[in-house]
């Protein structure tokens, strides 16, 4: 009788392990789905910032040295210079620190 009880406990524990493994796989898949979604959202935000930066900084110029046209209002010029400067600091900091940067392809 002892062996039969042990076999029943073993079968129950095996089933519990199988269920736990299945649950873990589902959680991992959900986590990966969420990470992918966040990466795509981040890529869209980066593309938006780069697009806005391109609108502020003339082509071929560094964001740090960009000059805003004189016809621009002082408030707009200051905001544009500030934005360009912040983007320049951000980009240089990323490369100076040799941070592992991943550029995500938009699907």
N, C-alpha and C. Protein backbone atom coordinates (compact mmCIF):
# COMPACT_ATOMS: atom_id res chain seq x y z
N UNK A 1 0.81 -1.18 0.00
CA UNK A 1 0.00 0.00 0.00
C UNK A 1 0.86 1.26 0.00
N UNK A 2 1.96 1.24 0.64
CA UNK A 2 2.87 2.38 0.70
C UNK A 2 3.35 2.76 -0.70
N UNK A 3 3.70 1.82 -1.52
CA UNK A 3 4.19 2.08 -2.86
C UNK A 3 3.10 2.71 -3.72
N UNK A 4 1.88 2.26 -3.58
CA UNK A 4 0.77 2.81 -4.36
C UNK A 4 0.52 4.26 -3.98
N UNK A 5 0.61 4.55 -2.68
CA UNK A 5 0.42 5.93 -2.23
C UNK A 5 1.53 6.83 -2.78
N UNK A 6 2.75 6.34 -2.72
CA UNK A 6 3.87 7.12 -3.24
C UNK A 6 3.73 7.36 -4.75
N UNK A 7 3.26 6.36 -5.47
CA UNK A 7 3.05 6.52 -6.92
C UNK A 7 1.96 7.55 -7.20
N UNK A 8 0.91 7.57 -6.38
CA UNK A 8 -0.17 8.54 -6.54
C UNK A 8 0.35 9.95 -6.26
N UNK A 9 1.16 10.10 -5.21
CA UNK A 9 1.75 11.40 -4.88
C UNK A 9 2.67 11.84 -6.01
N UNK A 10 3.46 10.91 -6.52
CA UNK A 10 4.38 11.22 -7.62
C UNK A 10 3.60 11.67 -8.86
N UNK A 11 2.54 10.99 -9.18
CA UNK A 11 1.72 11.37 -10.34
C UNK A 11 1.12 12.75 -10.15
N UNK A 12 0.64 13.03 -8.93
CA UNK A 12 0.06 14.34 -8.64
C UNK A 12 1.12 15.44 -8.75
N UNK A 13 2.29 15.21 -8.20
CA UNK A 13 3.36 16.20 -8.24
C UNK A 13 3.85 16.40 -9.69
N UNK A 14 3.89 15.35 -10.45
CA UNK A 14 4.29 15.45 -11.86
C UNK A 14 3.30 16.32 -12.62
N UNK A 15 2.01 16.12 -12.34
CA UNK A 15 0.98 16.93 -12.99
C UNK A 15 1.10 18.39 -12.55
N UNK A 16 1.36 18.63 -11.28
CA UNK A 16 1.55 20.00 -10.80
C UNK A 16 2.75 20.66 -11.47
N UNK A 17 3.84 19.92 -11.62
CA UNK A 17 5.03 20.46 -12.29
C UNK A 17 4.71 20.80 -13.75
N UNK A 18 3.97 19.93 -14.40
CA UNK A 18 3.60 20.18 -15.80
C UNK A 18 2.76 21.44 -15.92
N UNK A 19 1.81 21.60 -15.00
CA UNK A 19 0.97 22.79 -15.00
C UNK A 19 1.80 24.05 -14.72
N UNK A 20 2.74 23.95 -13.80
CA UNK A 20 3.60 25.09 -13.46
C UNK A 20 4.47 25.47 -14.66
N UNK A 21 5.01 24.49 -15.36
CA UNK A 21 5.83 24.76 -16.55
C UNK A 21 5.00 25.43 -17.64
N UNK A 22 3.77 24.97 -17.84
CA UNK A 22 2.89 25.57 -18.84
C UNK A 22 2.57 27.01 -18.47
N UNK A 23 2.28 27.24 -17.20
CA UNK A 23 1.99 28.60 -16.73
C UNK A 23 3.20 29.50 -16.93
N UNK A 24 4.39 29.00 -16.63
CA UNK A 24 5.61 29.77 -16.80
C UNK A 24 5.83 30.13 -18.27
N UNK A 25 5.60 29.18 -19.16
CA UNK A 25 5.77 29.46 -20.60
C UNK A 25 4.78 30.53 -21.07
N UNK A 26 3.55 30.45 -20.58
CA UNK A 26 2.55 31.47 -20.94
C UNK A 26 2.97 32.85 -20.42
N UNK A 27 3.47 32.89 -19.19
CA UNK A 27 3.93 34.17 -18.61
C UNK A 27 5.11 34.73 -19.40
N UNK A 28 6.04 33.86 -19.81
CA UNK A 28 7.18 34.30 -20.61
C UNK A 28 6.73 34.87 -21.95
N UNK A 29 5.77 34.21 -22.57
CA UNK A 29 5.25 34.69 -23.86
C UNK A 29 4.56 36.04 -23.68
N UNK A 30 3.80 36.20 -22.62
CA UNK A 30 3.13 37.47 -22.33
C UNK A 30 4.16 38.57 -22.07
N UNK A 31 5.19 38.24 -21.32
CA UNK A 31 6.26 39.20 -21.05
C UNK A 31 6.94 39.64 -22.35
N UNK A 32 7.27 38.69 -23.21
CA UNK A 32 7.91 39.02 -24.49
C UNK A 32 7.00 39.87 -25.36
N UNK A 33 5.70 39.57 -25.34
CA UNK A 33 4.76 40.37 -26.11
C UNK A 33 4.75 41.81 -25.60
N UNK A 34 4.74 41.97 -24.29
CA UNK A 34 4.73 43.31 -23.71
C UNK A 34 6.03 44.05 -24.00
N UNK A 35 7.16 43.36 -23.92
CA UNK A 35 8.45 43.98 -24.23
C UNK A 35 8.48 44.44 -25.68
N UNK A 36 8.02 43.60 -26.58
CA UNK A 36 7.99 43.95 -28.00
C UNK A 36 7.10 45.16 -28.24
N UNK A 37 5.95 45.20 -27.58
CA UNK A 37 5.05 46.34 -27.71
C UNK A 37 5.72 47.62 -27.21
N UNK A 38 6.38 47.54 -26.06
CA UNK A 38 7.07 48.72 -25.53
C UNK A 38 8.21 49.16 -26.44
N UNK A 39 8.93 48.21 -27.03
CA UNK A 39 10.00 48.55 -27.96
C UNK A 39 9.46 49.28 -29.19
N UNK A 40 8.34 48.81 -29.70
CA UNK A 40 7.74 49.46 -30.86
C UNK A 40 7.26 50.86 -30.50
N UNK A 41 6.63 51.00 -29.33
CA UNK A 41 6.19 52.32 -28.89
C UNK A 41 7.38 53.26 -28.72
N UNK A 42 8.46 52.74 -28.17
CA UNK A 42 9.67 53.54 -27.98
C UNK A 42 10.23 53.97 -29.34
N UNK A 43 10.25 53.04 -30.28
CA UNK A 43 10.77 53.36 -31.62
C UNK A 43 9.96 54.47 -32.27
N UNK A 44 8.65 54.44 -32.09
CA UNK A 44 7.79 55.48 -32.65
C UNK A 44 8.11 56.82 -31.99
N UNK A 45 8.30 56.80 -30.67
CA UNK A 45 8.63 58.04 -29.96
C UNK A 45 9.98 58.59 -30.41
N UNK A 46 10.96 57.72 -30.57
CA UNK A 46 12.28 58.17 -31.03
C UNK A 46 12.17 58.75 -32.43
N UNK A 47 11.42 58.08 -33.30
CA UNK A 47 11.24 58.59 -34.67
C UNK A 47 10.57 59.95 -34.65
N UNK A 48 9.60 60.13 -33.76
CA UNK A 48 8.93 61.43 -33.64
C UNK A 48 9.90 62.51 -33.19
N UNK A 49 10.71 62.20 -32.19
CA UNK A 49 11.69 63.17 -31.70
C UNK A 49 12.69 63.50 -32.80
N UNK A 50 13.16 62.50 -33.52
CA UNK A 50 14.11 62.75 -34.60
C UNK A 50 13.47 63.59 -35.71
N UNK A 51 12.20 63.32 -35.98
CA UNK A 51 11.49 64.10 -36.99
C UNK A 51 11.36 65.55 -36.52
N UNK A 52 11.00 65.74 -35.26
CA UNK A 52 10.89 67.09 -34.72
C UNK A 52 12.25 67.78 -34.71
N UNK A 53 13.28 67.04 -34.39
CA UNK A 53 14.63 67.61 -34.39
C UNK A 53 15.03 68.02 -35.80
N UNK A 54 14.69 67.20 -36.78
CA UNK A 54 15.01 67.53 -38.17
C UNK A 54 14.30 68.81 -38.60
N UNK A 55 13.11 69.04 -38.05
CA UNK A 55 12.37 70.25 -38.39
C UNK A 55 13.02 71.48 -37.76
N UNK A 56 13.68 71.29 -36.63
CA UNK A 56 14.30 72.40 -35.92
C UNK A 56 15.71 72.67 -36.44
N UNK A 57 16.46 71.61 -36.72
CA UNK A 57 17.86 71.73 -37.13
C UNK A 57 17.96 71.63 -38.64
N UNK A 58 18.56 72.62 -39.29
CA UNK A 58 18.72 72.55 -40.74
C UNK A 58 19.55 71.34 -41.15
N UNK A 59 19.30 70.83 -42.34
CA UNK A 59 20.00 69.65 -42.84
C UNK A 59 21.50 69.90 -42.86
N UNK A 60 22.27 68.89 -42.46
CA UNK A 60 23.71 68.96 -42.51
C UNK A 60 24.35 69.66 -41.33
N UNK A 61 23.57 70.13 -40.38
CA UNK A 61 24.13 70.84 -39.23
C UNK A 61 24.02 69.98 -37.99
N UNK A 62 24.95 70.16 -37.09
CA UNK A 62 24.91 69.49 -35.81
C UNK A 62 23.86 70.17 -34.94
N UNK A 63 23.10 69.44 -34.15
CA UNK A 63 22.10 70.07 -33.28
C UNK A 63 22.72 71.12 -32.36
N UNK A 64 23.96 70.92 -31.95
CA UNK A 64 24.60 71.85 -31.02
C UNK A 64 24.97 73.17 -31.68
N UNK A 65 25.19 73.15 -33.02
CA UNK A 65 25.63 74.36 -33.71
C UNK A 65 24.55 74.96 -34.58
N UNK A 66 23.35 74.40 -34.52
CA UNK A 66 22.27 74.89 -35.37
C UNK A 66 21.91 76.32 -35.03
N UNK A 67 21.65 77.09 -36.04
CA UNK A 67 21.24 78.48 -35.85
C UNK A 67 19.81 78.60 -36.34
N UNK A 68 18.97 79.17 -35.52
CA UNK A 68 17.58 79.37 -35.87
C UNK A 68 17.48 80.65 -36.68
N UNK A 69 16.71 80.66 -37.77
CA UNK A 69 16.60 81.86 -38.61
C UNK A 69 16.20 83.09 -37.80
N UNK A 70 16.69 84.24 -38.22
CA UNK A 70 16.42 85.49 -37.52
C UNK A 70 14.94 85.86 -37.55
N UNK A 71 14.21 85.38 -38.55
CA UNK A 71 12.79 85.71 -38.67
C UNK A 71 11.95 85.00 -37.61
N UNK A 72 12.54 84.08 -36.86
CA UNK A 72 11.82 83.34 -35.84
C UNK A 72 11.67 84.21 -34.60
N UNK A 73 10.52 84.10 -33.94
CA UNK A 73 10.29 84.89 -32.73
C UNK A 73 11.30 84.48 -31.66
N UNK A 74 11.63 85.38 -30.74
CA UNK A 74 12.61 85.05 -29.70
C UNK A 74 12.23 83.83 -28.87
N UNK A 75 10.94 83.71 -28.54
CA UNK A 75 10.52 82.55 -27.74
C UNK A 75 10.69 81.26 -28.52
N UNK A 76 10.28 81.26 -29.78
CA UNK A 76 10.42 80.07 -30.62
C UNK A 76 11.89 79.74 -30.85
N UNK A 77 12.71 80.77 -31.07
CA UNK A 77 14.14 80.56 -31.28
C UNK A 77 14.78 79.94 -30.05
N UNK A 78 14.43 80.45 -28.87
CA UNK A 78 14.99 79.91 -27.64
C UNK A 78 14.55 78.46 -27.43
N UNK A 79 13.29 78.18 -27.71
CA UNK A 79 12.79 76.81 -27.56
C UNK A 79 13.49 75.88 -28.55
N UNK A 80 13.68 76.35 -29.77
CA UNK A 80 14.33 75.53 -30.79
C UNK A 80 15.78 75.26 -30.41
N UNK A 81 16.48 76.30 -29.95
CA UNK A 81 17.87 76.13 -29.54
C UNK A 81 17.95 75.19 -28.34
N UNK A 82 17.01 75.35 -27.41
CA UNK A 82 17.00 74.49 -26.23
C UNK A 82 16.74 73.04 -26.59
N UNK A 83 15.79 72.81 -27.48
CA UNK A 83 15.48 71.46 -27.93
C UNK A 83 16.68 70.85 -28.63
N UNK A 84 17.27 71.61 -29.55
CA UNK A 84 18.43 71.11 -30.29
C UNK A 84 19.58 70.80 -29.33
N UNK A 85 19.77 71.65 -28.34
CA UNK A 85 20.86 71.43 -27.38
C UNK A 85 20.59 70.18 -26.55
N UNK A 86 19.35 70.01 -26.07
CA UNK A 86 19.02 68.82 -25.29
C UNK A 86 19.20 67.54 -26.10
N UNK A 87 18.77 67.57 -27.34
CA UNK A 87 18.93 66.39 -28.20
C UNK A 87 20.41 66.11 -28.41
N UNK A 88 21.19 67.16 -28.61
CA UNK A 88 22.64 66.99 -28.79
C UNK A 88 23.27 66.36 -27.55
N UNK A 89 22.90 66.85 -26.38
CA UNK A 89 23.43 66.29 -25.13
C UNK A 89 23.02 64.83 -25.01
N UNK A 90 21.75 64.56 -25.29
CA UNK A 90 21.25 63.19 -25.19
C UNK A 90 22.01 62.25 -26.11
N UNK A 91 22.17 62.65 -27.37
CA UNK A 91 22.86 61.79 -28.34
C UNK A 91 24.33 61.61 -27.98
N UNK A 92 25.00 62.68 -27.58
CA UNK A 92 26.41 62.55 -27.25
C UNK A 92 26.59 61.69 -26.00
N UNK A 93 25.68 61.81 -25.03
CA UNK A 93 25.75 61.01 -23.80
C UNK A 93 25.59 59.53 -24.14
N UNK A 94 24.66 59.22 -25.04
CA UNK A 94 24.45 57.82 -25.42
C UNK A 94 25.72 57.24 -26.01
N UNK A 95 26.37 57.98 -26.89
CA UNK A 95 27.55 57.46 -27.56
C UNK A 95 28.79 57.54 -26.68
N UNK A 96 28.89 58.56 -25.85
CA UNK A 96 30.04 58.69 -24.96
C UNK A 96 30.09 57.55 -23.96
N UNK A 97 28.96 57.15 -23.49
CA UNK A 97 28.90 56.08 -22.49
C UNK A 97 28.98 54.69 -23.11
N UNK A 98 29.02 54.62 -24.42
CA UNK A 98 29.04 53.34 -25.13
C UNK A 98 27.90 52.44 -24.67
N UNK A 99 26.75 53.05 -24.54
CA UNK A 99 25.57 52.31 -24.12
C UNK A 99 25.14 51.41 -25.26
N UNK A 100 24.74 50.21 -24.95
CA UNK A 100 24.24 49.31 -25.99
C UNK A 100 22.93 49.85 -26.51
N UNK A 101 22.97 50.44 -27.68
CA UNK A 101 21.77 51.06 -28.24
C UNK A 101 21.18 50.12 -29.29
N UNK A 102 19.91 49.89 -29.17
CA UNK A 102 19.21 49.06 -30.13
C UNK A 102 18.26 49.94 -30.92
N UNK A 103 18.39 49.91 -32.22
CA UNK A 103 17.47 50.63 -33.06
C UNK A 103 16.43 49.63 -33.54
N UNK A 104 15.20 49.89 -33.25
CA UNK A 104 14.14 48.95 -33.55
C UNK A 104 13.55 49.22 -34.92
N UNK A 105 13.36 48.15 -35.66
CA UNK A 105 12.72 48.27 -36.96
C UNK A 105 11.22 48.28 -36.73
N UNK A 106 10.58 49.28 -37.29
CA UNK A 106 9.12 49.36 -37.15
C UNK A 106 8.47 48.33 -38.05
N UNK A 107 7.52 47.61 -37.50
CA UNK A 107 6.82 46.58 -38.28
C UNK A 107 5.56 47.15 -38.88
